[in-house]
Amino acid sequence: MRKAMICVSVMLVLLQIWPMLFGHRAGEASAAISAEASAPKLIPAVATARVIPIPAAVSVAGDGAPVSCYKRYTAVFAACSHEDKACHIKAADQWDLCEATGFWPK
């Protein structure tokens, strides 16, 4: 087992030192590759897709004015009692969903 570990260690050292000792021949090929890689590439134009905007505000059923997610959250949070932690967590979850989707969850 000891000889196998010595063999593996020597092979790893050779693997790491080989490019330093004999890397000058590969440098010519890598220079051509790096010159090709640095050349500007043409990227084909991407077809523009129709984007449907997500509304950033939530509308209240009573009046047509949009209400931001944070304002709705503060109203729901204020309606919770001080001891009701589940209500506070539910309000925070609904606010998070509103910010992600743009609609206040039912």
N, C-alpha and C. Protein backbone atom coordinates (compact mmCIF):
# COMPACT_ATOMS: atom_id res chain seq x y z
N MET A 1 0.82 -1.20 0.00
CA MET A 1 0.00 0.00 0.00
C MET A 1 0.86 1.26 0.00
N ARG A 2 1.98 1.16 0.72
CA ARG A 2 2.89 2.30 0.79
C ARG A 2 3.48 2.61 -0.57
N LYS A 3 3.83 1.57 -1.34
CA LYS A 3 4.41 1.77 -2.66
C LYS A 3 3.38 2.37 -3.62
N ALA A 4 2.15 1.98 -3.46
CA ALA A 4 1.10 2.54 -4.31
C ALA A 4 0.91 4.03 -4.03
N MET A 5 0.97 4.41 -2.76
CA MET A 5 0.83 5.82 -2.41
C MET A 5 2.02 6.64 -2.94
N ILE A 6 3.22 6.06 -2.88
CA ILE A 6 4.39 6.75 -3.42
C ILE A 6 4.25 6.91 -4.92
N CYS A 7 3.77 5.88 -5.60
CA CYS A 7 3.58 5.94 -7.05
C CYS A 7 2.56 7.01 -7.43
N VAL A 8 1.46 7.06 -6.72
CA VAL A 8 0.43 8.06 -7.00
C VAL A 8 0.97 9.46 -6.74
N SER A 9 1.73 9.63 -5.68
CA SER A 9 2.30 10.95 -5.37
C SER A 9 3.27 11.40 -6.46
N VAL A 10 4.11 10.49 -6.95
CA VAL A 10 5.05 10.83 -8.02
C VAL A 10 4.30 11.18 -9.29
N MET A 11 3.25 10.44 -9.60
CA MET A 11 2.46 10.73 -10.81
C MET A 11 1.79 12.10 -10.71
N LEU A 12 1.28 12.45 -9.54
CA LEU A 12 0.67 13.77 -9.36
C LEU A 12 1.70 14.89 -9.49
N VAL A 13 2.89 14.67 -8.95
CA VAL A 13 3.95 15.68 -9.08
C VAL A 13 4.31 15.86 -10.55
N LEU A 14 4.46 14.76 -11.28
CA LEU A 14 4.77 14.86 -12.71
C LEU A 14 3.65 15.57 -13.47
N LEU A 15 2.43 15.29 -13.09
CA LEU A 15 1.29 15.93 -13.74
C LEU A 15 1.32 17.44 -13.53
N GLN A 16 1.75 17.88 -12.37
CA GLN A 16 1.79 19.31 -12.09
C GLN A 16 3.04 19.98 -12.66
N ILE A 17 4.16 19.28 -12.70
CA ILE A 17 5.40 19.89 -13.16
C ILE A 17 5.56 19.81 -14.68
N TRP A 18 4.96 18.84 -15.32
CA TRP A 18 5.11 18.63 -16.76
C TRP A 18 4.85 19.91 -17.58
N PRO A 19 3.76 20.64 -17.36
CA PRO A 19 3.56 21.86 -18.16
C PRO A 19 4.65 22.92 -17.93
N MET A 20 5.21 22.98 -16.74
CA MET A 20 6.28 23.96 -16.50
C MET A 20 7.55 23.58 -17.25
N LEU A 21 7.85 22.29 -17.32
CA LEU A 21 9.07 21.85 -17.98
C LEU A 21 8.94 21.82 -19.50
N PHE A 22 7.83 21.32 -19.98
CA PHE A 22 7.67 21.12 -21.42
C PHE A 22 6.50 21.90 -21.99
N GLY A 23 6.12 22.97 -21.36
CA GLY A 23 4.97 23.73 -21.80
C GLY A 23 5.24 24.69 -22.94
N HIS A 24 6.51 24.94 -23.28
CA HIS A 24 6.81 25.90 -24.33
C HIS A 24 6.32 25.44 -25.70
N ARG A 25 6.26 24.13 -25.96
CA ARG A 25 5.76 23.64 -27.24
C ARG A 25 4.25 23.82 -27.34
N ALA A 26 3.58 23.63 -26.23
CA ALA A 26 2.13 23.80 -26.23
C ALA A 26 1.77 25.27 -26.26
N GLY A 27 2.69 26.16 -25.92
CA GLY A 27 2.43 27.59 -25.89
C GLY A 27 2.10 28.14 -27.26
N GLU A 28 2.74 27.60 -28.31
CA GLU A 28 2.47 28.07 -29.66
C GLU A 28 1.03 27.75 -30.06
N ALA A 29 0.60 26.55 -29.74
CA ALA A 29 -0.77 26.16 -30.07
C ALA A 29 -1.77 26.92 -29.21
N SER A 30 -1.42 27.13 -27.94
CA SER A 30 -2.34 27.85 -27.08
C SER A 30 -2.42 29.32 -27.46
N ALA A 31 -1.34 29.88 -28.03
CA ALA A 31 -1.38 31.27 -28.48
C ALA A 31 -2.37 31.43 -29.63
N ALA A 32 -2.38 30.43 -30.53
CA ALA A 32 -3.33 30.49 -31.64
C ALA A 32 -4.75 30.34 -31.13
N ILE A 33 -4.93 29.49 -30.15
CA ILE A 33 -6.27 29.28 -29.58
C ILE A 33 -6.72 30.54 -28.84
N SER A 34 -5.80 31.16 -28.08
CA SER A 34 -6.18 32.36 -27.32
C SER A 34 -6.46 33.53 -28.26
N ALA A 35 -5.73 33.62 -29.39
CA ALA A 35 -6.00 34.68 -30.35
C ALA A 35 -7.37 34.49 -30.98
N GLU A 36 -7.72 33.24 -31.24
CA GLU A 36 -9.03 32.94 -31.81
C GLU A 36 -10.13 33.23 -30.80
N ALA A 37 -9.86 32.93 -29.54
CA ALA A 37 -10.87 33.14 -28.50
C ALA A 37 -11.08 34.63 -28.24
N SER A 38 -10.01 35.44 -28.40
CA SER A 38 -10.15 36.86 -28.11
C SER A 38 -10.78 37.64 -29.26
N ALA A 39 -10.89 37.02 -30.43
CA ALA A 39 -11.51 37.69 -31.57
C ALA A 39 -12.99 37.91 -31.28
N PRO A 40 -13.54 39.04 -31.70
CA PRO A 40 -14.97 39.28 -31.44
C PRO A 40 -15.83 38.29 -32.20
N LYS A 41 -16.87 37.85 -31.54
CA LYS A 41 -17.78 36.89 -32.14
C LYS A 41 -19.10 37.57 -32.43
N LEU A 42 -19.69 37.18 -33.53
CA LEU A 42 -20.99 37.71 -33.89
C LEU A 42 -22.06 36.85 -33.26
N ILE A 43 -22.96 37.49 -32.57
CA ILE A 43 -24.06 36.78 -31.93
C ILE A 43 -25.32 37.09 -32.71
N PRO A 44 -26.04 36.06 -33.15
CA PRO A 44 -27.26 36.32 -33.92
C PRO A 44 -28.30 37.02 -33.05
N ALA A 45 -29.04 37.88 -33.68
CA ALA A 45 -30.07 38.62 -32.94
C ALA A 45 -31.15 37.67 -32.45
N VAL A 46 -31.57 37.89 -31.25
CA VAL A 46 -32.61 37.07 -30.65
C VAL A 46 -33.96 37.70 -31.00
N ALA A 47 -34.88 36.87 -31.43
CA ALA A 47 -36.20 37.38 -31.77
C ALA A 47 -36.85 37.95 -30.53
N THR A 48 -37.42 39.11 -30.66
CA THR A 48 -38.06 39.73 -29.50
C THR A 48 -39.40 39.06 -29.26
N ALA A 49 -39.59 38.65 -28.05
CA ALA A 49 -40.84 38.01 -27.67
C ALA A 49 -41.75 39.03 -27.02
N ARG A 50 -43.01 38.79 -27.10
CA ARG A 50 -43.96 39.69 -26.46
C ARG A 50 -43.90 39.47 -24.95
N VAL A 51 -43.61 40.51 -24.23
CA VAL A 51 -43.48 40.42 -22.79
C VAL A 51 -44.74 40.97 -22.15
N ILE A 52 -45.32 40.18 -21.26
CA ILE A 52 -46.51 40.60 -20.55
C ILE A 52 -46.06 41.13 -19.19
N PRO A 53 -46.24 42.41 -18.92
CA PRO A 53 -45.78 42.95 -17.64
C PRO A 53 -46.63 42.45 -16.48
N ILE A 54 -45.97 42.22 -15.35
CA ILE A 54 -46.67 41.82 -14.14
C ILE A 54 -46.96 43.08 -13.36
N PRO A 55 -48.21 43.29 -12.97
CA PRO A 55 -48.52 44.51 -12.23
C PRO A 55 -47.82 44.51 -10.87
N ALA A 56 -47.30 45.68 -10.51
CA ALA A 56 -46.55 45.79 -9.26
C ALA A 56 -47.46 46.10 -8.08
N ALA A 57 -48.69 46.42 -8.32
CA ALA A 57 -49.58 46.77 -7.22
C ALA A 57 -50.81 45.88 -7.24
N VAL A 58 -51.45 45.82 -6.11
CA VAL A 58 -52.65 45.01 -5.95
C VAL A 58 -53.84 45.94 -5.87
N SER A 59 -54.89 45.59 -6.56
CA SER A 59 -56.07 46.45 -6.49
C SER A 59 -57.05 45.91 -5.46
N VAL A 60 -57.69 46.80 -4.77
CA VAL A 60 -58.68 46.45 -3.77
C VAL A 60 -60.03 46.38 -4.46
N ALA A 61 -60.88 45.45 -4.00
CA ALA A 61 -62.16 45.24 -4.66
C ALA A 61 -63.07 46.46 -4.58
N GLY A 62 -63.03 47.21 -3.48
CA GLY A 62 -63.93 48.35 -3.28
C GLY A 62 -63.68 49.49 -4.24
N ASP A 63 -62.52 50.09 -4.17
CA ASP A 63 -62.19 51.17 -5.10
C ASP A 63 -61.17 50.65 -6.11
N GLY A 64 -61.05 51.28 -7.23
CA GLY A 64 -60.19 50.80 -8.28
C GLY A 64 -58.73 51.19 -8.12
N ALA A 65 -58.39 51.92 -7.05
CA ALA A 65 -57.02 52.39 -6.88
C ALA A 65 -56.11 51.23 -6.46
N PRO A 66 -54.93 51.11 -7.06
CA PRO A 66 -54.01 50.04 -6.67
C PRO A 66 -53.39 50.32 -5.31
N VAL A 67 -53.17 49.25 -4.55
CA VAL A 67 -52.56 49.35 -3.23
C VAL A 67 -51.27 48.53 -3.28
N SER A 68 -50.19 49.09 -2.79
CA SER A 68 -48.93 48.35 -2.83
C SER A 68 -48.98 47.17 -1.88
N CYS A 69 -48.10 46.21 -2.13
CA CYS A 69 -48.06 45.01 -1.30
C CYS A 69 -47.71 45.36 0.15
N TYR A 70 -46.81 46.33 0.33
CA TYR A 70 -46.40 46.69 1.68
C TYR A 70 -47.54 47.34 2.46
N LYS A 71 -48.30 48.20 1.80
CA LYS A 71 -49.43 48.84 2.49
C LYS A 71 -50.47 47.80 2.87
N ARG A 72 -50.71 46.85 2.00
CA ARG A 72 -51.67 45.79 2.31
C ARG A 72 -51.15 44.95 3.46
N TYR A 73 -49.84 44.68 3.46
CA TYR A 73 -49.22 43.91 4.54
C TYR A 73 -49.36 44.62 5.88
N THR A 74 -49.09 45.93 5.90
CA THR A 74 -49.20 46.66 7.17
C THR A 74 -50.63 46.66 7.68
N ALA A 75 -51.61 46.71 6.77
CA ALA A 75 -53.01 46.68 7.20
C ALA A 75 -53.36 45.32 7.79
N VAL A 76 -52.90 44.24 7.13
CA VAL A 76 -53.20 42.89 7.63
C VAL A 76 -52.44 42.64 8.92
N PHE A 77 -51.20 43.09 9.01
CA PHE A 77 -50.40 42.90 10.20
C PHE A 77 -50.99 43.64 11.39
N ALA A 78 -51.49 44.85 11.14
CA ALA A 78 -52.10 45.64 12.22
C ALA A 78 -53.40 45.01 12.70
N ALA A 79 -54.09 44.27 11.83
CA ALA A 79 -55.34 43.62 12.22
C ALA A 79 -55.09 42.42 13.13
N CYS A 80 -53.88 41.88 13.12
CA CYS A 80 -53.55 40.73 13.98
C CYS A 80 -53.37 41.19 15.42
N SER A 81 -53.69 40.31 16.35
CA SER A 81 -53.46 40.65 17.76
C SER A 81 -51.96 40.49 18.05
N HIS A 82 -51.51 41.11 19.14
CA HIS A 82 -50.09 41.09 19.46
C HIS A 82 -49.59 39.70 19.82
N GLU A 83 -50.46 38.85 20.37
CA GLU A 83 -50.05 37.52 20.80
C GLU A 83 -50.13 36.49 19.69
N ASP A 84 -50.81 36.80 18.60
CA ASP A 84 -51.05 35.83 17.53
C ASP A 84 -49.87 35.82 16.55
N LYS A 85 -48.87 34.99 16.83
CA LYS A 85 -47.68 34.91 15.98
C LYS A 85 -48.01 34.25 14.64
N ALA A 86 -48.96 33.33 14.62
CA ALA A 86 -49.33 32.66 13.37
C ALA A 86 -49.92 33.66 12.38
N CYS A 87 -50.69 34.60 12.87
CA CYS A 87 -51.27 35.62 12.00
C CYS A 87 -50.18 36.52 11.43
N HIS A 88 -49.17 36.84 12.24
CA HIS A 88 -48.06 37.66 11.77
C HIS A 88 -47.27 36.94 10.69
N ILE A 89 -47.03 35.64 10.90
CA ILE A 89 -46.28 34.85 9.92
C ILE A 89 -47.08 34.71 8.64
N LYS A 90 -48.39 34.51 8.76
CA LYS A 90 -49.24 34.40 7.57
C LYS A 90 -49.24 35.71 6.78
N ALA A 91 -49.28 36.83 7.48
CA ALA A 91 -49.24 38.14 6.81
C ALA A 91 -47.91 38.33 6.08
N ALA A 92 -46.81 37.91 6.71
CA ALA A 92 -45.50 38.01 6.08
C ALA A 92 -45.41 37.11 4.85
N ASP A 93 -45.97 35.90 4.93
CA ASP A 93 -45.97 35.00 3.79
C ASP A 93 -46.80 35.57 2.64
N GLN A 94 -47.94 36.14 2.96
CA GLN A 94 -48.78 36.74 1.92
C GLN A 94 -48.08 37.94 1.28
N TRP A 95 -47.36 38.72 2.06
CA TRP A 95 -46.61 39.85 1.52
C TRP A 95 -45.53 39.36 0.57
N ASP A 96 -44.85 38.28 0.97
CA ASP A 96 -43.80 37.72 0.12
C ASP A 96 -44.38 37.22 -1.20
N LEU A 97 -45.50 36.54 -1.14
CA LEU A 97 -46.15 36.06 -2.36
C LEU A 97 -46.62 37.22 -3.22
N CYS A 98 -47.12 38.27 -2.59
CA CYS A 98 -47.56 39.45 -3.34
C CYS A 98 -46.40 40.11 -4.06
N GLU A 99 -45.26 40.22 -3.39
CA GLU A 99 -44.09 40.82 -4.02
C GLU A 99 -43.60 39.96 -5.18
N ALA A 100 -43.72 38.64 -5.07
CA ALA A 100 -43.25 37.75 -6.13
C ALA A 100 -44.19 37.71 -7.31
N THR A 101 -45.50 37.71 -7.06
CA THR A 101 -46.46 37.53 -8.15
C THR A 101 -47.15 38.82 -8.57
N GLY A 102 -47.25 39.78 -7.67
CA GLY A 102 -47.94 41.02 -7.97
C GLY A 102 -49.41 40.99 -7.56
N PHE A 103 -49.85 39.90 -6.99
CA PHE A 103 -51.24 39.76 -6.55
C PHE A 103 -51.27 39.30 -5.11
N TRP A 104 -52.17 39.90 -4.34
CA TRP A 104 -52.32 39.48 -2.94
C TRP A 104 -53.07 38.17 -2.93
N PRO A 105 -52.53 37.13 -2.25
CA PRO A 105 -53.20 35.83 -2.23
C PRO A 105 -54.49 35.87 -1.45
N LYS A 106 -55.43 35.06 -1.85
CA LYS A 106 -56.73 35.02 -1.20
C LYS A 106 -56.69 34.15 0.02
